[in-house]
């Protein structure tokens, strides 16, 4: 797909910024949604999908976070967004949930929460009341439960958070005037735009770009400042 002219249309507008290198500690190339520019944990992404999913991280940020009213960043938000990703793509959320648990929670790190505000009461009841520090709470639980038991309880907690907040996420998405049941097709269309932009980059030297994704139930468009034409994809 190459840039081409696109008709005027009304719909949801999602501004985004592209850099060939982000000086944010990660140094990745790609896009970030403008609403996430102040979130230090967000890594830029391109059209790269990995081996398990048909769409990239940026599509996840747009459709499963932003338009579902779910903040980008924070473990509670990610639990909700991973459930939305499962609904949209049919993907199993457990590999990502386990990675978050092993790399963050079991090391005493919980983003945008404290352990006492994040963990379920079933686990907190096992922790002495005087234990307040995040790492000490996890250490106490690891002394009470086997790794497999604690992992299982935390997995269930992530899944419950996603399921409990699913109705609110769907309502938020529908308030954008987009059809919730078309999220799968919308994701593929946005993915096509990202692929088209990567193809454009292959023959143009671009180190910075600011643009916006214009989304309707029938069409998706990526307009980039300074380009006279836009990247356009049908929602099938």
C-alpha atoms as a PDB file:
ATOM      1  CA  UNK A   1       0.000   0.000   0.000  1.00  0.00           C
ATOM      2  CA  UNK A   2       1.271   3.477  -0.858  1.00  0.00           C
ATOM      3  CA  UNK A   3       0.054   6.919   0.184  1.00  0.00           C
ATOM      4  CA  UNK A   4      -3.016   7.992  -1.760  1.00  0.00           C
ATOM      5  CA  UNK A   5      -5.761  10.559  -1.634  1.00  0.00           C
ATOM      6  CA  UNK A   6      -8.615   9.922   0.780  1.00  0.00           C
ATOM      7  CA  UNK A   7     -12.093  11.411   1.056  1.00  0.00           C
ATOM      8  CA  UNK A   8     -13.154  13.715   3.863  1.00  0.00           C
ATOM      9  CA  UNK A   9     -14.729  11.788   6.718  1.00  0.00           C
ATOM     10  CA  UNK A  10     -15.859  12.214  10.300  1.00  0.00           C
ATOM     11  CA  UNK A  11     -14.694   9.861  13.010  1.00  0.00           C
ATOM     12  CA  UNK A  12     -12.411   9.306  15.946  1.00  0.00           C
ATOM     13  CA  UNK A  13      -9.034  11.046  15.755  1.00  0.00           C
ATOM     14  CA  UNK A  14      -6.048   9.548  17.579  1.00  0.00           C
ATOM     15  CA  UNK A  15      -2.896  11.741  17.392  1.00  0.00           C
ATOM     16  CA  UNK A  16       0.479   9.973  17.398  1.00  0.00           C
ATOM     17  CA  UNK A  17       4.174  10.802  17.071  1.00  0.00           C
ATOM     18  CA  UNK A  18       6.890   8.876  15.213  1.00  0.00           C
ATOM     19  CA  UNK A  19      10.658   9.020  15.850  1.00  0.00           C
ATOM     20  CA  UNK A  20      13.415   6.877  14.401  1.00  0.00           C
ATOM     21  CA  UNK A  21      14.967   6.860  17.897  1.00  0.00           C
ATOM     22  CA  UNK A  22      13.195   7.774  21.128  1.00  0.00           C
ATOM     23  CA  UNK A  23      15.508   9.142  23.824  1.00  0.00           C
ATOM     24  CA  UNK A  24      13.466   7.601  26.619  1.00  0.00           C
ATOM     25  CA  UNK A  25      15.816   4.951  27.968  1.00  0.00           C
ATOM     26  CA  UNK A  26      14.571   2.318  25.503  1.00  0.00           C
ATOM     27  CA  UNK A  27      15.869   3.842  22.250  1.00  0.00           C
ATOM     28  CA  UNK A  28      13.249   2.137  20.118  1.00  0.00           C
ATOM     29  CA  UNK A  29      12.023   3.273  16.706  1.00  0.00           C
ATOM     30  CA  UNK A  30       8.343   3.788  16.039  1.00  0.00           C
ATOM     31  CA  UNK A  31       5.101   5.441  17.068  1.00  0.00           C
ATOM     32  CA  UNK A  32       3.704   6.503  20.422  1.00  0.00           C
ATOM     33  CA  UNK A  33       0.196   7.795  20.990  1.00  0.00           C
ATOM     34  CA  UNK A  34       0.330  11.428  22.060  1.00  0.00           C
ATOM     35  CA  UNK A  35      -1.784  10.574  25.108  1.00  0.00           C
ATOM     36  CA  UNK A  36       1.027   8.289  26.315  1.00  0.00           C
ATOM     37  CA  UNK A  37       4.026  10.583  25.768  1.00  0.00           C
ATOM     38  CA  UNK A  38       4.419  11.294  29.502  1.00  0.00           C
ATOM     39  CA  UNK A  39       4.147   7.615  30.477  1.00  0.00           C
ATOM     40  CA  UNK A  40       7.730   6.381  31.089  1.00  0.00           C
ATOM     41  CA  UNK A  41       6.928   2.667  30.649  1.00  0.00           C
ATOM     42  CA  UNK A  42       5.609   3.034  27.077  1.00  0.00           C
ATOM     43  CA  UNK A  43       7.961   1.759  24.356  1.00  0.00           C
ATOM     44  CA  UNK A  44       7.551   2.979  20.777  1.00  0.00           C
ATOM     45  CA  UNK A  45       6.287   0.423  18.264  1.00  0.00           C
ATOM     46  CA  UNK A  46       6.129  -0.095  14.508  1.00  0.00           C
ATOM     47  CA  UNK A  47       4.143  -2.583  12.436  1.00  0.00           C
ATOM     48  CA  UNK A  48       6.049  -5.466  14.057  1.00  0.00           C
ATOM     49  CA  UNK A  49       3.579  -8.015  15.433  1.00  0.00           C
ATOM     50  CA  UNK A  50       5.687 -10.792  16.914  1.00  0.00           C
ATOM     51  CA  UNK A  51       4.691 -14.430  16.489  1.00  0.00           C
ATOM     52  CA  UNK A  52       1.397 -14.635  18.423  1.00  0.00           C
ATOM     53  CA  UNK A  53      -0.698 -11.685  17.267  1.00  0.00           C
ATOM     54  CA  UNK A  54      -1.929 -10.315  13.928  1.00  0.00           C
ATOM     55  CA  UNK A  55      -1.554  -6.687  15.059  1.00  0.00           C
ATOM     56  CA  UNK A  56       1.164  -4.617  16.718  1.00  0.00           C
ATOM     57  CA  UNK A  57       1.488  -3.048  20.155  1.00  0.00           C
ATOM     58  CA  UNK A  58       0.358   0.324  18.798  1.00  0.00           C
ATOM     59  CA  UNK A  59      -2.944  -1.208  17.658  1.00  0.00           C
ATOM     60  CA  UNK A  60      -3.296  -2.657  21.177  1.00  0.00           C
ATOM     61  CA  UNK A  61      -2.708   0.807  22.630  1.00  0.00           C
ATOM     62  CA  UNK A  62      -5.352   2.368  20.361  1.00  0.00           C
ATOM     63  CA  UNK A  63      -8.125  -0.233  20.449  1.00  0.00           C
ATOM     64  CA  UNK A  64      -7.671  -2.056  23.767  1.00  0.00           C
ATOM     65  CA  UNK A  65      -6.439   0.853  25.894  1.00  0.00           C
ATOM     66  CA  UNK A  66      -7.206   4.327  24.571  1.00  0.00           C
ATOM     67  CA  UNK A  67     -10.638   3.862  22.963  1.00  0.00           C
ATOM     68  CA  UNK A  68     -11.746   1.543  25.775  1.00  0.00           C
ATOM     69  CA  UNK A  69     -11.031   4.302  28.293  1.00  0.00           C
ATOM     70  CA  UNK A  70      -8.113   2.352  29.769  1.00  0.00           C
ATOM     71  CA  UNK A  71      -4.950   4.256  30.612  1.00  0.00           C
ATOM     72  CA  UNK A  72      -1.656   3.222  29.029  1.00  0.00           C
ATOM     73  CA  UNK A  73       0.668   2.151  31.808  1.00  0.00           C
ATOM     74  CA  UNK A  74      -0.053   0.465  35.120  1.00  0.00           C
ATOM     75  CA  UNK A  75      -0.697  -3.186  35.865  1.00  0.00           C
ATOM     76  CA  UNK A  76      -4.413  -2.783  36.569  1.00  0.00           C
ATOM     77  CA  UNK A  77      -4.857  -1.035  33.218  1.00  0.00           C
ATOM     78  CA  UNK A  78      -2.893  -3.743  31.440  1.00  0.00           C
ATOM     79  CA  UNK A  79      -5.047  -6.464  32.994  1.00  0.00           C
ATOM     80  CA  UNK A  80      -8.144  -4.775  31.544  1.00  0.00           C
ATOM     81  CA  UNK A  81      -6.516  -4.158  28.150  1.00  0.00           C
ATOM     82  CA  UNK A  82      -5.238  -7.741  27.862  1.00  0.00           C
ATOM     83  CA  UNK A  83      -8.796  -8.991  28.315  1.00  0.00           C
ATOM     84  CA  UNK A  84      -9.903  -6.622  25.543  1.00  0.00           C
ATOM     85  CA  UNK A  85      -7.053  -7.928  23.390  1.00  0.00           C
ATOM     86  CA  UNK A  86      -8.277 -11.482  24.009  1.00  0.00           C
ATOM     87  CA  UNK A  87     -11.817 -10.543  22.915  1.00  0.00           C
ATOM     88  CA  UNK A  88     -10.525  -8.703  19.823  1.00  0.00           C
ATOM     89  CA  UNK A  89      -7.987 -11.269  18.581  1.00  0.00           C
ATOM     90  CA  UNK A  90      -8.747 -14.535  20.400  1.00  0.00           C
ATOM     91  CA  UNK A  91      -5.227 -14.505  21.862  1.00  0.00           C
ATOM     92  CA  UNK A  92      -4.397 -16.168  25.174  1.00  0.00           C
ATOM     93  CA  UNK A  93      -3.530 -13.429  27.720  1.00  0.00           C
ATOM     94  CA  UNK A  94      -1.729 -15.789  30.111  1.00  0.00           C
ATOM     95  CA  UNK A  95       1.782 -15.529  28.565  1.00  0.00           C
ATOM     96  CA  UNK A  96       1.724 -11.726  28.966  1.00  0.00           C
ATOM     97  CA  UNK A  97       0.160 -11.947  32.424  1.00  0.00           C
ATOM     98  CA  UNK A  98       2.814 -14.422  33.575  1.00  0.00           C
ATOM     99  CA  UNK A  99       5.579 -12.199  32.222  1.00  0.00           C
ATOM    100  CA  UNK A 100       4.228  -9.201  34.149  1.00  0.00           C
ATOM    101  CA  UNK A 101       3.895 -11.264  37.324  1.00  0.00           C
ATOM    102  CA  UNK A 102       7.380 -12.784  37.123  1.00  0.00           C
ATOM    103  CA  UNK A 103       9.206  -9.631  36.028  1.00  0.00           C
ATOM    104  CA  UNK A 104       7.331  -7.101  38.161  1.00  0.00           C
ATOM    105  CA  UNK A 105       4.953  -8.265  40.874  1.00  0.00           C
ATOM    106  CA  UNK A 106       7.114 -11.088  42.235  1.00  0.00           C
ATOM    107  CA  UNK A 107       9.987  -8.588  42.410  1.00  0.00           C
ATOM    108  CA  UNK A 108       7.895  -6.227  44.528  1.00  0.00           C
ATOM    109  CA  UNK A 109       6.982  -3.787  41.754  1.00  0.00           C
ATOM    110  CA  UNK A 110       3.412  -2.773  40.964  1.00  0.00           C
ATOM    111  CA  UNK A 111       2.860   0.187  38.631  1.00  0.00           C
ATOM    112  CA  UNK A 112       0.410   2.961  39.617  1.00  0.00           C
ATOM    113  CA  UNK A 113      -0.664   1.064  42.741  1.00  0.00           C
ATOM    114  CA  UNK A 114       0.649  -0.253  46.014  1.00  0.00           C
ATOM    115  CA  UNK A 115       0.601  -3.960  46.760  1.00  0.00           C
ATOM    116  CA  UNK A 116      -2.052  -3.393  49.413  1.00  0.00           C
ATOM    117  CA  UNK A 117      -4.327  -1.562  46.981  1.00  0.00           C
ATOM    118  CA  UNK A 118      -3.684  -3.971  44.095  1.00  0.00           C
ATOM    119  CA  UNK A 119      -3.683  -7.468  45.590  1.00  0.00           C
ATOM    120  CA  UNK A 120      -6.935  -9.346  46.295  1.00  0.00           C
ATOM    121  CA  UNK A 121      -8.156  -9.726  49.867  1.00  0.00           C
ATOM    122  CA  UNK A 122      -7.547 -13.493  49.664  1.00  0.00           C
ATOM    123  CA  UNK A 123      -3.802 -12.840  49.437  1.00  0.00           C
ATOM    124  CA  UNK A 124      -3.677  -9.816  51.729  1.00  0.00           C
ATOM    125  CA  UNK A 125      -5.280 -11.871  54.493  1.00  0.00           C
ATOM    126  CA  UNK A 126      -2.081 -13.946  54.568  1.00  0.00           C
ATOM    127  CA  UNK A 127       0.151 -10.903  55.132  1.00  0.00           C
ATOM    128  CA  UNK A 128       0.712  -9.570  58.677  1.00  0.00           C
ATOM    129  CA  UNK A 129      -1.006  -6.191  59.073  1.00  0.00           C
ATOM    130  CA  UNK A 130       2.238  -4.453  60.019  1.00  0.00           C
ATOM    131  CA  UNK A 131       3.938  -5.397  56.731  1.00  0.00           C
ATOM    132  CA  UNK A 132       3.500  -2.365  54.465  1.00  0.00           C
ATOM    133  CA  UNK A 133       6.363  -2.184  51.940  1.00  0.00           C
ATOM    134  CA  UNK A 134       5.557  -3.664  48.516  1.00  0.00           C
ATOM    135  CA  UNK A 135       8.569  -5.975  48.411  1.00  0.00           C
ATOM    136  CA  UNK A 136       8.010  -7.150  51.989  1.00  0.00           C
ATOM    137  CA  UNK A 137       4.397  -8.028  51.187  1.00  0.00           C
ATOM    138  CA  UNK A 138       5.463 -10.187  48.251  1.00  0.00           C
ATOM    139  CA  UNK A 139       8.258 -11.706  50.319  1.00  0.00           C
ATOM    140  CA  UNK A 140       5.726 -12.631  52.997  1.00  0.00           C
ATOM    141  CA  UNK A 141       3.476 -14.297  50.413  1.00  0.00           C
ATOM    142  CA  UNK A 142       6.400 -16.175  48.895  1.00  0.00           C
ATOM    143  CA  UNK A 143       7.166 -17.545  52.354  1.00  0.00           C
ATOM    144  CA  UNK A 144       3.569 -18.735  52.760  1.00  0.00           C
ATOM    145  CA  UNK A 145       2.904 -20.147  49.284  1.00  0.00           C
ATOM    146  CA  UNK A 146       4.822 -22.116  46.698  1.00  0.00           C
ATOM    147  CA  UNK A 147       5.809 -20.267  43.533  1.00  0.00           C
ATOM    148  CA  UNK A 148       3.156 -22.161  41.571  1.00  0.00           C
ATOM    149  CA  UNK A 149       0.426 -21.343  44.102  1.00  0.00           C
ATOM    150  CA  UNK A 150       1.260 -17.642  44.206  1.00  0.00           C
ATOM    151  CA  UNK A 151       1.573 -17.448  40.424  1.00  0.00           C
ATOM    152  CA  UNK A 152      -1.834 -19.099  40.037  1.00  0.00           C
ATOM    153  CA  UNK A 153      -3.524 -16.723  42.497  1.00  0.00           C
ATOM    154  CA  UNK A 154      -2.020 -13.668  40.781  1.00  0.00           C
ATOM    155  CA  UNK A 155      -3.030 -14.972  37.350  1.00  0.00           C
ATOM    156  CA  UNK A 156      -6.624 -15.366  38.530  1.00  0.00           C
ATOM    157  CA  UNK A 157      -6.540 -11.841  39.947  1.00  0.00           C
ATOM    158  CA  UNK A 158      -5.394 -10.351  36.628  1.00  0.00           C
ATOM    159  CA  UNK A 159      -8.090 -12.285  34.759  1.00  0.00           C
ATOM    160  CA  UNK A 160     -10.798 -11.154  37.201  1.00  0.00           C
ATOM    161  CA  UNK A 161      -9.766  -7.511  36.844  1.00  0.00           C
ATOM    162  CA  UNK A 162     -10.083  -7.784  33.066  1.00  0.00           C
ATOM    163  CA  UNK A 163     -13.447  -9.517  33.212  1.00  0.00           C
ATOM    164  CA  UNK A 164     -14.902  -7.207  35.888  1.00  0.00           C
ATOM    165  CA  UNK A 165     -14.070  -4.087  33.878  1.00  0.00           C
ATOM    166  CA  UNK A 166     -15.015  -5.472  30.460  1.00  0.00           C
ATOM    167  CA  UNK A 167     -18.498  -3.935  30.348  1.00  0.00           C
ATOM    168  CA  UNK A 168     -17.162  -0.467  31.170  1.00  0.00           C
ATOM    169  CA  UNK A 169     -14.453  -0.830  28.516  1.00  0.00           C
ATOM    170  CA  UNK A 170     -17.023  -1.804  25.896  1.00  0.00           C
ATOM    171  CA  UNK A 171     -19.261   1.132  26.871  1.00  0.00           C
ATOM    172  CA  UNK A 172     -16.351   3.554  26.567  1.00  0.00           C
ATOM    173  CA  UNK A 173     -15.447   2.189  23.132  1.00  0.00           C
ATOM    174  CA  UNK A 174     -19.012   2.493  21.884  1.00  0.00           C
ATOM    175  CA  UNK A 175     -19.156   6.118  23.068  1.00  0.00           C
ATOM    176  CA  UNK A 176     -16.543   6.849  20.407  1.00  0.00           C
ATOM    177  CA  UNK A 177     -19.231   6.076  17.735  1.00  0.00           C
ATOM    178  CA  UNK A 178     -17.282   3.005  16.602  1.00  0.00           C
ATOM    179  CA  UNK A 179     -18.874  -0.447  16.626  1.00  0.00           C
ATOM    180  CA  UNK A 180     -17.348  -2.685  19.304  1.00  0.00           C
ATOM    181  CA  UNK A 181     -17.937  -5.798  17.182  1.00  0.00           C
ATOM    182  CA  UNK A 182     -15.773  -4.289  14.408  1.00  0.00           C
ATOM    183  CA  UNK A 183     -12.652  -4.007  16.576  1.00  0.00           C
ATOM    184  CA  UNK A 184     -11.054  -7.024  14.890  1.00  0.00           C
ATOM    185  CA  UNK A 185     -11.477  -5.483  11.429  1.00  0.00           C
ATOM    186  CA  UNK A 186     -10.430  -2.054  12.701  1.00  0.00           C
ATOM    187  CA  UNK A 187      -7.258  -3.598  14.101  1.00  0.00           C
ATOM    188  CA  UNK A 188      -6.339  -5.155  10.762  1.00  0.00           C
ATOM    189  CA  UNK A 189      -7.000  -1.853   8.967  1.00  0.00           C
ATOM    190  CA  UNK A 190      -4.788   0.103  11.390  1.00  0.00           C
ATOM    191  CA  UNK A 191      -2.127  -2.588  11.012  1.00  0.00           C
ATOM    192  CA  UNK A 192      -2.263  -2.071   7.223  1.00  0.00           C
ATOM    193  CA  UNK A 193      -1.622   1.652   7.772  1.00  0.00           C
ATOM    194  CA  UNK A 194       1.422   0.921   9.928  1.00  0.00           C
ATOM    195  CA  UNK A 195       2.791  -1.467   7.300  1.00  0.00           C
ATOM    196  CA  UNK A 196       2.218   1.164   4.610  1.00  0.00           C
ATOM    197  CA  UNK A 197       4.104   3.762   6.645  1.00  0.00           C
ATOM    198  CA  UNK A 198       7.012   1.341   7.183  1.00  0.00           C
ATOM    199  CA  UNK A 199       7.126   0.796   3.418  1.00  0.00           C
ATOM    200  CA  UNK A 200       7.183   4.561   2.918  1.00  0.00           C
ATOM    201  CA  UNK A 201      10.106   4.821   5.359  1.00  0.00           C
ATOM    202  CA  UNK A 202      12.066   2.303   3.308  1.00  0.00           C
ATOM    203  CA  UNK A 203      12.487   4.898   0.549  1.00  0.00           C
ATOM    204  CA  UNK A 204      12.422   8.135   2.573  1.00  0.00           C
ATOM    205  CA  UNK A 205      14.682   9.451   5.294  1.00  0.00           C
ATOM    206  CA  UNK A 206      12.366  10.354   8.179  1.00  0.00           C
ATOM    207  CA  UNK A 207      13.547  10.857  11.740  1.00  0.00           C
ATOM    208  CA  UNK A 208      10.410  12.540  13.084  1.00  0.00           C
ATOM    209  CA  UNK A 209       6.759  12.710  12.079  1.00  0.00           C
ATOM    210  CA  UNK A 210       3.559  13.812  13.711  1.00  0.00           C
ATOM    211  CA  UNK A 211       0.271  12.430  12.481  1.00  0.00           C
ATOM    212  CA  UNK A 212      -3.152  11.166  13.417  1.00  0.00           C
ATOM    213  CA  UNK A 213      -5.203   8.047  12.855  1.00  0.00           C
ATOM    214  CA  UNK A 214      -8.721   8.851  11.634  1.00  0.00           C
ATOM    215  CA  UNK A 215     -11.008   5.912  12.382  1.00  0.00           C
ATOM    216  CA  UNK A 216     -14.554   5.191  11.248  1.00  0.00           C
ATOM    217  CA  UNK A 217     -16.516   1.962  10.989  1.00  0.00           C
ATOM    218  CA  UNK A 218     -15.739   1.816   7.268  1.00  0.00           C
ATOM    219  CA  UNK A 219     -12.317   3.404   6.746  1.00  0.00           C
ATOM    220  CA  UNK A 220      -9.065   4.082   8.572  1.00  0.00           C
ATOM    221  CA  UNK A 221      -6.645   6.808   7.516  1.00  0.00           C
ATOM    222  CA  UNK A 222      -3.214   7.872   8.703  1.00  0.00           C
ATOM    223  CA  UNK A 223      -2.442  11.496   7.916  1.00  0.00           C
ATOM    224  CA  UNK A 224       1.112  12.702   8.526  1.00  0.00           C
ATOM    225  CA  UNK A 225       1.984  16.389   8.762  1.00  0.00           C
ATOM    226  CA  UNK A 226       3.967  17.538   5.728  1.00  0.00           C
ATOM    227  CA  UNK A 227       2.664  14.811   3.404  1.00  0.00           C
ATOM    228  CA  UNK A 228       0.148  15.899   0.785  1.00  0.00           C
ATOM    229  CA  UNK A 229      -1.453  12.451   0.646  1.00  0.00           C
ATOM    230  CA  UNK A 230      -2.537   9.985   3.310  1.00  0.00           C
ATOM    231  CA  UNK A 231      -2.381   6.252   4.006  1.00  0.00           C
ATOM    232  CA  UNK A 232      -5.840   4.750   3.604  1.00  0.00           C
ATOM    233  CA  UNK A 233      -7.369   1.335   4.403  1.00  0.00           C
ATOM    234  CA  UNK A 234     -10.896  -0.075   4.259  1.00  0.00           C
ATOM    235  CA  UNK A 235     -12.404  -1.746   7.328  1.00  0.00           C
ATOM    236  CA  UNK A 236     -13.563  -5.093   5.921  1.00  0.00           C
END
